[in-house]
C-alpha atoms as a PDB file:
ATOM      1  CA  UNK A   1     -53.396  29.161  64.242  1.00  0.00           C
ATOM      2  CA  UNK A   2     -55.430  27.101  61.782  1.00  0.00           C
ATOM      3  CA  UNK A   3     -55.307  29.865  59.260  1.00  0.00           C
ATOM      4  CA  UNK A   4     -51.505  29.833  59.205  1.00  0.00           C
ATOM      5  CA  UNK A   5     -51.411  25.963  58.649  1.00  0.00           C
ATOM      6  CA  UNK A   6     -53.969  25.911  55.885  1.00  0.00           C
ATOM      7  CA  UNK A   7     -52.612  24.918  52.417  1.00  0.00           C
ATOM      8  CA  UNK A   8     -51.914  27.615  49.957  1.00  0.00           C
ATOM      9  CA  UNK A   9     -53.730  27.237  46.641  1.00  0.00           C
ATOM     10  CA  UNK A  10     -52.131  28.628  43.528  1.00  0.00           C
ATOM     11  CA  UNK A  11     -53.769  31.537  41.912  1.00  0.00           C
ATOM     12  CA  UNK A  12     -55.554  30.817  38.683  1.00  0.00           C
ATOM     13  CA  UNK A  13     -53.812  33.553  36.841  1.00  0.00           C
ATOM     14  CA  UNK A  14     -50.282  32.423  37.733  1.00  0.00           C
ATOM     15  CA  UNK A  15     -48.348  30.354  35.088  1.00  0.00           C
ATOM     16  CA  UNK A  16     -47.545  26.801  36.035  1.00  0.00           C
ATOM     17  CA  UNK A  17     -44.247  25.181  34.928  1.00  0.00           C
ATOM     18  CA  UNK A  18     -44.789  22.285  32.552  1.00  0.00           C
ATOM     19  CA  UNK A  19     -43.865  18.810  33.777  1.00  0.00           C
ATOM     20  CA  UNK A  20     -41.659  16.351  31.880  1.00  0.00           C
ATOM     21  CA  UNK A  21     -44.708  14.676  30.247  1.00  0.00           C
ATOM     22  CA  UNK A  22     -46.153  18.064  29.298  1.00  0.00           C
ATOM     23  CA  UNK A  23     -42.989  19.396  27.755  1.00  0.00           C
ATOM     24  CA  UNK A  24     -43.798  17.753  24.376  1.00  0.00           C
ATOM     25  CA  UNK A  25     -41.242  18.117  21.575  1.00  0.00           C
ATOM     26  CA  UNK A  26     -39.528  21.059  23.150  1.00  0.00           C
ATOM     27  CA  UNK A  27     -38.496  19.043  26.131  1.00  0.00           C
ATOM     28  CA  UNK A  28     -36.894  16.345  23.947  1.00  0.00           C
ATOM     29  CA  UNK A  29     -34.571  18.727  22.042  1.00  0.00           C
ATOM     30  CA  UNK A  30     -30.993  18.303  23.222  1.00  0.00           C
ATOM     31  CA  UNK A  31     -29.359  21.306  24.782  1.00  0.00           C
ATOM     32  CA  UNK A  32     -26.411  22.689  22.923  1.00  0.00           C
ATOM     33  CA  UNK A  33     -23.454  24.061  24.812  1.00  0.00           C
ATOM     34  CA  UNK A  34     -22.622  27.719  24.125  1.00  0.00           C
ATOM     35  CA  UNK A  35     -19.393  26.864  22.250  1.00  0.00           C
ATOM     36  CA  UNK A  36     -20.813  23.991  20.227  1.00  0.00           C
ATOM     37  CA  UNK A  37     -21.449  24.586  16.484  1.00  0.00           C
ATOM     38  CA  UNK A  38     -23.646  22.668  14.108  1.00  0.00           C
ATOM     39  CA  UNK A  39     -22.352  20.918  10.970  1.00  0.00           C
ATOM     40  CA  UNK A  40     -23.022  23.802   8.623  1.00  0.00           C
ATOM     41  CA  UNK A  41     -21.026  26.243  10.824  1.00  0.00           C
ATOM     42  CA  UNK A  42     -18.089  23.831  10.960  1.00  0.00           C
ATOM     43  CA  UNK A  43     -18.135  23.506   7.183  1.00  0.00           C
ATOM     44  CA  UNK A  44     -18.096  27.257   6.858  1.00  0.00           C
ATOM     45  CA  UNK A  45     -15.165  27.591   9.266  1.00  0.00           C
ATOM     46  CA  UNK A  46     -13.207  24.966   7.222  1.00  0.00           C
ATOM     47  CA  UNK A  47     -14.034  26.290   3.812  1.00  0.00           C
ATOM     48  CA  UNK A  48     -10.372  27.115   3.108  1.00  0.00           C
ATOM     49  CA  UNK A  49      -9.365  23.456   3.728  1.00  0.00           C
ATOM     50  CA  UNK A  50     -12.264  22.263   1.607  1.00  0.00           C
ATOM     51  CA  UNK A  51     -11.279  24.461  -1.297  1.00  0.00           C
ATOM     52  CA  UNK A  52      -7.655  23.250  -1.022  1.00  0.00           C
ATOM     53  CA  UNK A  53      -8.772  19.575  -1.115  1.00  0.00           C
ATOM     54  CA  UNK A  54     -11.257  20.140  -3.943  1.00  0.00           C
ATOM     55  CA  UNK A  55      -8.722  19.639  -6.823  1.00  0.00           C
ATOM     56  CA  UNK A  56      -7.541  16.377  -5.329  1.00  0.00           C
ATOM     57  CA  UNK A  57     -11.132  15.140  -4.931  1.00  0.00           C
ATOM     58  CA  UNK A  58     -11.840  16.023  -8.535  1.00  0.00           C
ATOM     59  CA  UNK A  59      -8.681  14.288  -9.639  1.00  0.00           C
ATOM     60  CA  UNK A  60      -9.701  11.213  -7.663  1.00  0.00           C
ATOM     61  CA  UNK A  61     -13.127  11.048  -9.224  1.00  0.00           C
ATOM     62  CA  UNK A  62     -11.953  11.705 -12.818  1.00  0.00           C
ATOM     63  CA  UNK A  63      -8.961   9.296 -12.785  1.00  0.00           C
ATOM     64  CA  UNK A  64     -10.001   6.670 -10.188  1.00  0.00           C
ATOM     65  CA  UNK A  65     -13.767   6.319 -10.144  1.00  0.00           C
ATOM     66  CA  UNK A  66     -14.911   7.301 -13.619  1.00  0.00           C
ATOM     67  CA  UNK A  67     -12.629   4.675 -15.323  1.00  0.00           C
ATOM     68  CA  UNK A  68     -14.411   1.962 -13.383  1.00  0.00           C
ATOM     69  CA  UNK A  69     -17.257   2.398 -15.892  1.00  0.00           C
ATOM     70  CA  UNK A  70     -14.844   0.851 -18.401  1.00  0.00           C
ATOM     71  CA  UNK A  71     -15.167  -2.483 -16.596  1.00  0.00           C
ATOM     72  CA  UNK A  72     -18.317  -3.016 -18.703  1.00  0.00           C
ATOM     73  CA  UNK A  73     -15.950  -3.843 -21.576  1.00  0.00           C
ATOM     74  CA  UNK A  74     -15.134  -7.159 -19.873  1.00  0.00           C
ATOM     75  CA  UNK A  75     -18.733  -8.243 -20.350  1.00  0.00           C
ATOM     76  CA  UNK A  76     -18.830  -7.091 -24.025  1.00  0.00           C
ATOM     77  CA  UNK A  77     -17.281  -8.132 -27.241  1.00  0.00           C
ATOM     78  CA  UNK A  78     -15.886  -4.628 -27.416  1.00  0.00           C
ATOM     79  CA  UNK A  79     -15.287  -2.978 -30.791  1.00  0.00           C
ATOM     80  CA  UNK A  80     -13.717   0.529 -30.684  1.00  0.00           C
ATOM     81  CA  UNK A  81     -15.707   1.653 -33.774  1.00  0.00           C
ATOM     82  CA  UNK A  82     -19.061   0.960 -32.140  1.00  0.00           C
ATOM     83  CA  UNK A  83     -20.787   3.081 -29.542  1.00  0.00           C
ATOM     84  CA  UNK A  84     -21.740   1.756 -26.102  1.00  0.00           C
ATOM     85  CA  UNK A  85     -25.280   0.764 -27.099  1.00  0.00           C
ATOM     86  CA  UNK A  86     -23.998  -1.023 -30.262  1.00  0.00           C
ATOM     87  CA  UNK A  87     -21.702  -3.408 -28.338  1.00  0.00           C
ATOM     88  CA  UNK A  88     -22.639  -7.018 -28.105  1.00  0.00           C
ATOM     89  CA  UNK A  89     -22.856  -8.396 -24.531  1.00  0.00           C
ATOM     90  CA  UNK A  90     -21.206 -11.772 -23.930  1.00  0.00           C
ATOM     91  CA  UNK A  91     -21.468 -12.138 -20.167  1.00  0.00           C
ATOM     92  CA  UNK A  92     -18.606 -13.964 -18.547  1.00  0.00           C
ATOM     93  CA  UNK A  93     -17.135 -15.297 -21.771  1.00  0.00           C
ATOM     94  CA  UNK A  94     -13.827 -13.545 -21.401  1.00  0.00           C
ATOM     95  CA  UNK A  95     -13.425 -14.691 -17.831  1.00  0.00           C
ATOM     96  CA  UNK A  96     -13.942 -18.249 -18.935  1.00  0.00           C
ATOM     97  CA  UNK A  97     -11.371 -17.802 -21.680  1.00  0.00           C
ATOM     98  CA  UNK A  98      -8.960 -16.328 -19.120  1.00  0.00           C
ATOM     99  CA  UNK A  99      -9.288 -19.256 -16.702  1.00  0.00           C
ATOM    100  CA  UNK A 100      -8.877 -21.778 -19.497  1.00  0.00           C
ATOM    101  CA  UNK A 101      -5.547 -20.315 -20.653  1.00  0.00           C
ATOM    102  CA  UNK A 102      -2.527 -22.232 -19.392  1.00  0.00           C
ATOM    103  CA  UNK A 103      -0.394 -19.141 -19.994  1.00  0.00           C
ATOM    104  CA  UNK A 104      -2.523 -17.231 -17.475  1.00  0.00           C
ATOM    105  CA  UNK A 105      -1.624 -19.639 -14.692  1.00  0.00           C
ATOM    106  CA  UNK A 106       2.073 -19.405 -15.530  1.00  0.00           C
ATOM    107  CA  UNK A 107       1.820 -15.591 -15.378  1.00  0.00           C
ATOM    108  CA  UNK A 108      -0.066 -15.839 -12.065  1.00  0.00           C
ATOM    109  CA  UNK A 109       2.607 -18.114 -10.617  1.00  0.00           C
ATOM    110  CA  UNK A 110       5.379 -15.769 -11.631  1.00  0.00           C
ATOM    111  CA  UNK A 111       3.474 -12.762 -10.374  1.00  0.00           C
ATOM    112  CA  UNK A 112       2.812 -14.307  -6.931  1.00  0.00           C
ATOM    113  CA  UNK A 113       6.385 -15.676  -6.655  1.00  0.00           C
ATOM    114  CA  UNK A 114       8.092 -12.370  -7.407  1.00  0.00           C
ATOM    115  CA  UNK A 115       5.536 -10.472  -5.296  1.00  0.00           C
ATOM    116  CA  UNK A 116       6.096 -12.588  -2.224  1.00  0.00           C
ATOM    117  CA  UNK A 117       9.897 -12.325  -2.600  1.00  0.00           C
ATOM    118  CA  UNK A 118       9.709  -8.558  -3.046  1.00  0.00           C
ATOM    119  CA  UNK A 119       7.308  -8.198  -0.074  1.00  0.00           C
ATOM    120  CA  UNK A 120       9.472 -10.287   2.329  1.00  0.00           C
ATOM    121  CA  UNK A 121      12.946  -9.062   1.426  1.00  0.00           C
ATOM    122  CA  UNK A 122      11.763  -5.525   0.664  1.00  0.00           C
ATOM    123  CA  UNK A 123      10.148  -5.165   4.093  1.00  0.00           C
ATOM    124  CA  UNK A 124      13.024  -6.775   5.947  1.00  0.00           C
ATOM    125  CA  UNK A 125      15.577  -4.647   4.118  1.00  0.00           C
ATOM    126  CA  UNK A 126      13.728  -1.377   4.775  1.00  0.00           C
ATOM    127  CA  UNK A 127      13.181  -2.184   8.509  1.00  0.00           C
ATOM    128  CA  UNK A 128      16.722  -3.304   8.972  1.00  0.00           C
ATOM    129  CA  UNK A 129      18.170  -0.267   7.173  1.00  0.00           C
ATOM    130  CA  UNK A 130      16.006   2.086   9.268  1.00  0.00           C
ATOM    131  CA  UNK A 131      16.951   0.388  12.522  1.00  0.00           C
ATOM    132  CA  UNK A 132      20.712   0.456  11.776  1.00  0.00           C
ATOM    133  CA  UNK A 133      20.652   4.076  10.574  1.00  0.00           C
ATOM    134  CA  UNK A 134      18.649   5.135  13.553  1.00  0.00           C
ATOM    135  CA  UNK A 135      21.441   3.831  15.810  1.00  0.00           C
ATOM    136  CA  UNK A 136      24.057   5.886  14.047  1.00  0.00           C
ATOM    137  CA  UNK A 137      25.473   8.700  16.162  1.00  0.00           C
ATOM    138  CA  UNK A 138      27.378  10.624  13.559  1.00  0.00           C
ATOM    139  CA  UNK A 139      24.714  13.054  12.417  1.00  0.00           C
ATOM    140  CA  UNK A 140      26.290  14.327   9.273  1.00  0.00           C
ATOM    141  CA  UNK A 141      27.133  10.899   7.952  1.00  0.00           C
ATOM    142  CA  UNK A 142      23.698   9.684   8.957  1.00  0.00           C
ATOM    143  CA  UNK A 143      22.048  12.469   6.915  1.00  0.00           C
ATOM    144  CA  UNK A 144      24.341  11.812   3.968  1.00  0.00           C
ATOM    145  CA  UNK A 145      23.599   8.035   4.029  1.00  0.00           C
ATOM    146  CA  UNK A 146      19.870   8.707   4.306  1.00  0.00           C
ATOM    147  CA  UNK A 147      19.933  11.151   1.345  1.00  0.00           C
ATOM    148  CA  UNK A 148      22.024   8.782  -0.877  1.00  0.00           C
ATOM    149  CA  UNK A 149      19.649   5.850  -0.114  1.00  0.00           C
ATOM    150  CA  UNK A 150      16.719   7.817  -1.548  1.00  0.00           C
ATOM    151  CA  UNK A 151      18.329   8.429  -4.951  1.00  0.00           C
ATOM    152  CA  UNK A 152      17.717   5.005  -6.554  1.00  0.00           C
ATOM    153  CA  UNK A 153      13.989   5.447  -6.103  1.00  0.00           C
ATOM    154  CA  UNK A 154      14.078   8.327  -8.602  1.00  0.00           C
ATOM    155  CA  UNK A 155      16.124   6.489 -11.159  1.00  0.00           C
ATOM    156  CA  UNK A 156      14.254   5.077 -14.173  1.00  0.00           C
ATOM    157  CA  UNK A 157      13.938   1.333 -14.453  1.00  0.00           C
ATOM    158  CA  UNK A 158      15.552   1.620 -17.834  1.00  0.00           C
ATOM    159  CA  UNK A 159      18.710   2.920 -16.174  1.00  0.00           C
ATOM    160  CA  UNK A 160      18.476   0.365 -13.345  1.00  0.00           C
ATOM    161  CA  UNK A 161      18.058  -2.484 -15.802  1.00  0.00           C
ATOM    162  CA  UNK A 162      21.127  -1.296 -17.715  1.00  0.00           C
ATOM    163  CA  UNK A 163      23.154  -1.133 -14.452  1.00  0.00           C
ATOM    164  CA  UNK A 164      22.007  -4.634 -13.310  1.00  0.00           C
ATOM    165  CA  UNK A 165      22.749  -6.177 -16.781  1.00  0.00           C
ATOM    166  CA  UNK A 166      26.211  -4.612 -16.735  1.00  0.00           C
ATOM    167  CA  UNK A 167      26.969  -5.714 -13.223  1.00  0.00           C
ATOM    168  CA  UNK A 168      25.831  -9.268 -13.828  1.00  0.00           C
ATOM    169  CA  UNK A 169      27.383  -9.714 -17.291  1.00  0.00           C
ATOM    170  CA  UNK A 170      30.043 -12.395 -17.857  1.00  0.00           C
ATOM    171  CA  UNK A 171      32.737  -9.764 -17.766  1.00  0.00           C
ATOM    172  CA  UNK A 172      31.029  -7.675 -15.096  1.00  0.00           C
ATOM    173  CA  UNK A 173      32.226  -6.731 -11.600  1.00  0.00           C
ATOM    174  CA  UNK A 174      30.172  -9.516  -9.901  1.00  0.00           C
ATOM    175  CA  UNK A 175      31.675 -12.312 -11.893  1.00  0.00           C
ATOM    176  CA  UNK A 176      35.183 -10.775 -11.597  1.00  0.00           C
ATOM    177  CA  UNK A 177      34.744 -10.750  -7.798  1.00  0.00           C
ATOM    178  CA  UNK A 178      33.442 -14.304  -7.627  1.00  0.00           C
ATOM    179  CA  UNK A 179      36.247 -15.656  -9.786  1.00  0.00           C
ATOM    180  CA  UNK A 180      38.922 -13.648  -7.979  1.00  0.00           C
ATOM    181  CA  UNK A 181      38.017 -15.022  -4.576  1.00  0.00           C
ATOM    182  CA  UNK A 182      37.583 -18.560  -5.871  1.00  0.00           C
ATOM    183  CA  UNK A 183      33.914 -19.090  -5.311  1.00  0.00           C
ATOM    184  CA  UNK A 184      33.354 -20.020  -9.017  1.00  0.00           C
ATOM    185  CA  UNK A 185      35.648 -21.496 -11.583  1.00  0.00           C
ATOM    186  CA  UNK A 186      34.084 -19.831 -14.587  1.00  0.00           C
ATOM    187  CA  UNK A 187      31.838 -16.768 -14.961  1.00  0.00           C
ATOM    188  CA  UNK A 188      28.106 -17.255 -14.495  1.00  0.00           C
ATOM    189  CA  UNK A 189      25.666 -15.890 -17.076  1.00  0.00           C
ATOM    190  CA  UNK A 190      23.041 -14.676 -14.561  1.00  0.00           C
ATOM    191  CA  UNK A 191      20.792 -13.184 -17.172  1.00  0.00           C
ATOM    192  CA  UNK A 192      20.523 -16.394 -19.161  1.00  0.00           C
ATOM    193  CA  UNK A 193      19.440 -18.686 -16.269  1.00  0.00           C
ATOM    194  CA  UNK A 194      15.661 -18.909 -15.796  1.00  0.00           C
ATOM    195  CA  UNK A 195      16.075 -20.257 -12.239  1.00  0.00           C
ATOM    196  CA  UNK A 196      17.868 -16.999 -11.144  1.00  0.00           C
ATOM    197  CA  UNK A 197      15.518 -14.526 -12.772  1.00  0.00           C
ATOM    198  CA  UNK A 198      13.238 -14.104  -9.754  1.00  0.00           C
ATOM    199  CA  UNK A 199      16.247 -13.441  -7.522  1.00  0.00           C
ATOM    200  CA  UNK A 200      17.746 -10.887  -9.929  1.00  0.00           C
ATOM    201  CA  UNK A 201      14.489  -8.989 -10.159  1.00  0.00           C
ATOM    202  CA  UNK A 202      14.005  -9.090  -6.351  1.00  0.00           C
ATOM    203  CA  UNK A 203      17.609  -7.854  -5.747  1.00  0.00           C
ATOM    204  CA  UNK A 204      17.092  -4.993  -8.143  1.00  0.00           C
ATOM    205  CA  UNK A 205      13.809  -4.042  -6.551  1.00  0.00           C
ATOM    206  CA  UNK A 206      15.261  -4.134  -3.046  1.00  0.00           C
ATOM    207  CA  UNK A 207      18.266  -1.955  -4.045  1.00  0.00           C
ATOM    208  CA  UNK A 208      16.005   0.569  -5.776  1.00  0.00           C
ATOM    209  CA  UNK A 209      13.327   0.955  -3.089  1.00  0.00           C
ATOM    210  CA  UNK A 210      14.928   0.244   0.279  1.00  0.00           C
ATOM    211  CA  UNK A 211      15.878   3.808   1.146  1.00  0.00           C
ATOM    212  CA  UNK A 212      12.560   5.200   0.062  1.00  0.00           C
ATOM    213  CA  UNK A 213      10.531   2.610   1.891  1.00  0.00           C
ATOM    214  CA  UNK A 214      12.504   3.206   5.077  1.00  0.00           C
ATOM    215  CA  UNK A 215      11.262   6.885   5.308  1.00  0.00           C
ATOM    216  CA  UNK A 216       8.069   6.017   7.165  1.00  0.00           C
ATOM    217  CA  UNK A 217       9.972   3.826   9.571  1.00  0.00           C
ATOM    218  CA  UNK A 218      12.283   6.726  10.361  1.00  0.00           C
ATOM    219  CA  UNK A 219       9.249   8.885  11.069  1.00  0.00           C
ATOM    220  CA  UNK A 220       7.781   6.199  13.322  1.00  0.00           C
ATOM    221  CA  UNK A 221      11.030   5.873  15.268  1.00  0.00           C
ATOM    222  CA  UNK A 222      11.206   9.600  15.860  1.00  0.00           C
ATOM    223  CA  UNK A 223       7.996   9.349  17.877  1.00  0.00           C
ATOM    224  CA  UNK A 224       9.463   6.906  20.395  1.00  0.00           C
ATOM    225  CA  UNK A 225       9.602   8.245  23.927  1.00  0.00           C
ATOM    226  CA  UNK A 226      13.247   9.026  24.851  1.00  0.00           C
ATOM    227  CA  UNK A 227      12.520   8.227  28.459  1.00  0.00           C
ATOM    228  CA  UNK A 228      12.245   4.573  27.481  1.00  0.00           C
ATOM    229  CA  UNK A 229      15.836   4.535  26.294  1.00  0.00           C
ATOM    230  CA  UNK A 230      16.994   6.303  29.425  1.00  0.00           C
ATOM    231  CA  UNK A 231      15.246   3.768  31.614  1.00  0.00           C
ATOM    232  CA  UNK A 232      16.757   0.905  29.580  1.00  0.00           C
ATOM    233  CA  UNK A 233      20.303   2.425  29.974  1.00  0.00           C
ATOM    234  CA  UNK A 234      19.765   2.647  33.723  1.00  0.00           C
ATOM    235  CA  UNK A 235      18.770  -1.073  33.750  1.00  0.00           C
ATOM    236  CA  UNK A 236      21.994  -1.863  31.830  1.00  0.00           C
ATOM    237  CA  UNK A 237      20.496  -2.638  28.423  1.00  0.00           C
ATOM    238  CA  UNK A 238      22.872  -2.608  25.549  1.00  0.00           C
ATOM    239  CA  UNK A 239      22.299  -0.874  22.236  1.00  0.00           C
ATOM    240  CA  UNK A 240      21.129  -4.116  20.689  1.00  0.00           C
ATOM    241  CA  UNK A 241      18.647  -4.735  23.552  1.00  0.00           C
ATOM    242  CA  UNK A 242      17.296  -1.214  23.210  1.00  0.00           C
ATOM    243  CA  UNK A 243      16.770  -1.635  19.531  1.00  0.00           C
ATOM    244  CA  UNK A 244      15.132  -5.013  19.920  1.00  0.00           C
ATOM    245  CA  UNK A 245      12.871  -4.294  22.934  1.00  0.00           C
ATOM    246  CA  UNK A 246      12.062  -0.607  22.499  1.00  0.00           C
ATOM    247  CA  UNK A 247      12.591   0.651  18.946  1.00  0.00           C
ATOM    248  CA  UNK A 248      11.170  -2.352  17.142  1.00  0.00           C
ATOM    249  CA  UNK A 249       8.017  -2.706  19.312  1.00  0.00           C
ATOM    250  CA  UNK A 250       7.312   0.999  19.009  1.00  0.00           C
ATOM    251  CA  UNK A 251       7.067   0.781  15.170  1.00  0.00           C
ATOM    252  CA  UNK A 252       5.259  -2.533  15.146  1.00  0.00           C
ATOM    253  CA  UNK A 253       1.785  -0.976  14.387  1.00  0.00           C
ATOM    254  CA  UNK A 254       3.297   0.895  11.472  1.00  0.00           C
ATOM    255  CA  UNK A 255       4.937  -2.258  10.174  1.00  0.00           C
ATOM    256  CA  UNK A 256       1.639  -4.144  10.290  1.00  0.00           C
ATOM    257  CA  UNK A 257      -0.298  -1.458   8.490  1.00  0.00           C
ATOM    258  CA  UNK A 258       2.287  -1.146   5.711  1.00  0.00           C
ATOM    259  CA  UNK A 259       2.402  -4.939   5.474  1.00  0.00           C
ATOM    260  CA  UNK A 260      -1.346  -5.063   5.003  1.00  0.00           C
ATOM    261  CA  UNK A 261      -1.212  -2.472   2.260  1.00  0.00           C
ATOM    262  CA  UNK A 262       1.660  -4.191   0.508  1.00  0.00           C
ATOM    263  CA  UNK A 263      -0.119  -7.568   0.657  1.00  0.00           C
ATOM    264  CA  UNK A 264      -3.001  -5.904  -1.175  1.00  0.00           C
ATOM    265  CA  UNK A 265      -0.570  -4.972  -3.922  1.00  0.00           C
ATOM    266  CA  UNK A 266       0.971  -8.401  -4.050  1.00  0.00           C
ATOM    267  CA  UNK A 267      -0.064  -9.037  -7.637  1.00  0.00           C
ATOM    268  CA  UNK A 268       0.297  -5.360  -8.675  1.00  0.00           C
ATOM    269  CA  UNK A 269       4.019  -5.548  -9.264  1.00  0.00           C
ATOM    270  CA  UNK A 270       4.033  -3.937 -12.675  1.00  0.00           C
ATOM    271  CA  UNK A 271       5.878  -5.213 -15.717  1.00  0.00           C
ATOM    272  CA  UNK A 272       8.658  -2.732 -16.336  1.00  0.00           C
ATOM    273  CA  UNK A 273      11.454  -4.583 -14.637  1.00  0.00           C
ATOM    274  CA  UNK A 274      10.385  -7.953 -15.926  1.00  0.00           C
ATOM    275  CA  UNK A 275      10.178  -6.638 -19.514  1.00  0.00           C
ATOM    276  CA  UNK A 276      13.548  -4.742 -19.265  1.00  0.00           C
ATOM    277  CA  UNK A 277      15.541  -7.474 -17.500  1.00  0.00           C
ATOM    278  CA  UNK A 278      13.925 -10.392 -19.325  1.00  0.00           C
ATOM    279  CA  UNK A 279      14.974 -12.004 -22.655  1.00  0.00           C
ATOM    280  CA  UNK A 280      13.949 -14.871 -24.822  1.00  0.00           C
ATOM    281  CA  UNK A 281      15.744 -17.417 -22.665  1.00  0.00           C
ATOM    282  CA  UNK A 282      13.951 -16.414 -19.409  1.00  0.00           C
ATOM    283  CA  UNK A 283      10.663 -15.296 -20.973  1.00  0.00           C
ATOM    284  CA  UNK A 284       8.596 -17.997 -19.264  1.00  0.00           C
ATOM    285  CA  UNK A 285       9.893 -16.868 -15.824  1.00  0.00           C
ATOM    286  CA  UNK A 286       9.505 -13.182 -16.704  1.00  0.00           C
ATOM    287  CA  UNK A 287       5.872 -13.303 -17.764  1.00  0.00           C
ATOM    288  CA  UNK A 288       3.656 -11.610 -15.179  1.00  0.00           C
ATOM    289  CA  UNK A 289      -0.047 -10.682 -15.179  1.00  0.00           C
ATOM    290  CA  UNK A 290       0.516  -7.074 -16.292  1.00  0.00           C
ATOM    291  CA  UNK A 291       2.826  -8.214 -19.097  1.00  0.00           C
ATOM    292  CA  UNK A 292       0.337 -10.920 -19.995  1.00  0.00           C
ATOM    293  CA  UNK A 293      -2.498  -8.348 -20.249  1.00  0.00           C
ATOM    294  CA  UNK A 294      -0.270  -6.100 -22.439  1.00  0.00           C
ATOM    295  CA  UNK A 295       0.878  -8.844 -24.811  1.00  0.00           C
ATOM    296  CA  UNK A 296      -2.233 -11.002 -25.012  1.00  0.00           C
ATOM    297  CA  UNK A 297      -4.834  -8.314 -24.422  1.00  0.00           C
ATOM    298  CA  UNK A 298      -4.040  -4.865 -25.736  1.00  0.00           C
ATOM    299  CA  UNK A 299      -1.214  -6.081 -27.960  1.00  0.00           C
ATOM    300  CA  UNK A 300      -3.639  -8.395 -29.785  1.00  0.00           C
ATOM    301  CA  UNK A 301      -6.484  -5.794 -29.723  1.00  0.00           C
ATOM    302  CA  UNK A 302      -8.467  -7.974 -27.301  1.00  0.00           C
ATOM    303  CA  UNK A 303      -9.547  -5.039 -25.103  1.00  0.00           C
ATOM    304  CA  UNK A 304     -12.339  -7.010 -23.407  1.00  0.00           C
ATOM    305  CA  UNK A 305      -9.924  -9.770 -22.469  1.00  0.00           C
ATOM    306  CA  UNK A 306      -7.428  -7.285 -21.089  1.00  0.00           C
ATOM    307  CA  UNK A 307     -10.196  -5.637 -19.049  1.00  0.00           C
ATOM    308  CA  UNK A 308     -11.162  -8.980 -17.569  1.00  0.00           C
ATOM    309  CA  UNK A 309      -7.602  -9.490 -16.395  1.00  0.00           C
ATOM    310  CA  UNK A 310      -7.733  -6.016 -14.715  1.00  0.00           C
ATOM    311  CA  UNK A 311     -10.957  -6.917 -12.912  1.00  0.00           C
ATOM    312  CA  UNK A 312      -9.445 -10.178 -11.730  1.00  0.00           C
ATOM    313  CA  UNK A 313      -6.433  -8.317 -10.271  1.00  0.00           C
ATOM    314  CA  UNK A 314      -8.613  -5.784  -8.481  1.00  0.00           C
ATOM    315  CA  UNK A 315     -10.802  -8.468  -6.873  1.00  0.00           C
ATOM    316  CA  UNK A 316      -7.850 -10.452  -5.712  1.00  0.00           C
ATOM    317  CA  UNK A 317      -6.253  -7.316  -4.255  1.00  0.00           C
ATOM    318  CA  UNK A 318      -9.390  -6.472  -2.261  1.00  0.00           C
ATOM    319  CA  UNK A 319      -9.616 -10.042  -0.985  1.00  0.00           C
ATOM    320  CA  UNK A 320      -5.994 -10.053   0.087  1.00  0.00           C
ATOM    321  CA  UNK A 321      -6.395  -6.757   1.957  1.00  0.00           C
ATOM    322  CA  UNK A 322      -9.505  -8.001   3.767  1.00  0.00           C
ATOM    323  CA  UNK A 323      -7.876 -11.231   4.809  1.00  0.00           C
ATOM    324  CA  UNK A 324      -4.640  -9.513   6.010  1.00  0.00           C
ATOM    325  CA  UNK A 325      -6.645  -6.910   7.889  1.00  0.00           C
ATOM    326  CA  UNK A 326      -8.834  -9.614   9.559  1.00  0.00           C
ATOM    327  CA  UNK A 327      -5.773 -11.531  10.671  1.00  0.00           C
ATOM    328  CA  UNK A 328      -4.221  -8.380  12.128  1.00  0.00           C
ATOM    329  CA  UNK A 329      -7.490  -7.552  13.924  1.00  0.00           C
ATOM    330  CA  UNK A 330      -7.664 -11.035  15.472  1.00  0.00           C
ATOM    331  CA  UNK A 331      -4.131 -10.962  16.797  1.00  0.00           C
ATOM    332  CA  UNK A 332      -4.676  -7.501  18.187  1.00  0.00           C
ATOM    333  CA  UNK A 333      -2.206  -5.578  15.954  1.00  0.00           C
ATOM    334  CA  UNK A 334      -2.585  -2.354  13.917  1.00  0.00           C
ATOM    335  CA  UNK A 335      -5.040  -2.619  11.064  1.00  0.00           C
ATOM    336  CA  UNK A 336      -6.235  -0.445   8.180  1.00  0.00           C
ATOM    337  CA  UNK A 337     -10.029  -0.519   8.944  1.00  0.00           C
END
């Protein structure tokens, strides 16, 4: 009886399983599931996608990142005939000259003014157009309207400026309409009134880009759950209520993200429309930062001064994006990063 209850001692020649403390480095290695692949295997499986994206990566590096090296010109008294090591470094001299120029502040005011008007009215026009077109039930007419609305985006600003100038001329259709219905006693010379120039540029920009900017809103509306509309119909909601309480909230994250990106480009409004629609009478209201850099920088062979203007624009754009994204993050809406 005592023999059966005696403890069994392990044989000396039998292997003993290592404990957790005895496992060493092998016990700390994470176990990989059978279907899991390491990073190199995933890259090999996606080599076709990587090869397809390679030309775009090269284009991005060559045309977006390598030109940043040219920012060094803003800190030099750049002379094209000299090599990089022969240039004389002047520090922040060109930035001080820029901030001491009264013309620069006039250009900055015009840029911000037209940028805000274009941002507000352009966004509202694109959202409103997308909402109204989404409610249209005649499919053929809806597609036709959508296609026609894209066309102005592909029209050159030279042609658009000619159309706007013709429409707003003293003998143009706009003045004929205003005089015929009795709103004005005599024709208005819109293109010779400095106070109207911002409005003319904004109206031309909205007409040209509304249809194109509405594309992404159409795509966002297509992802709305149809069951929400069916439930709203059961509850007796009208078409207006469905649009206001279902369609618009469903695309709100997209609106916020696009708004953040557009705020970052608030001062990058270009100079084509201002140069083509402007004249000597409205030149003070038509001067924007890009046109200022062209006329007072490159046009006067002040390459370092023009580069300083470009750096100023880039820094302001980054600051605006960060501020807009932080505000969207605090209020709990969609954000870029």
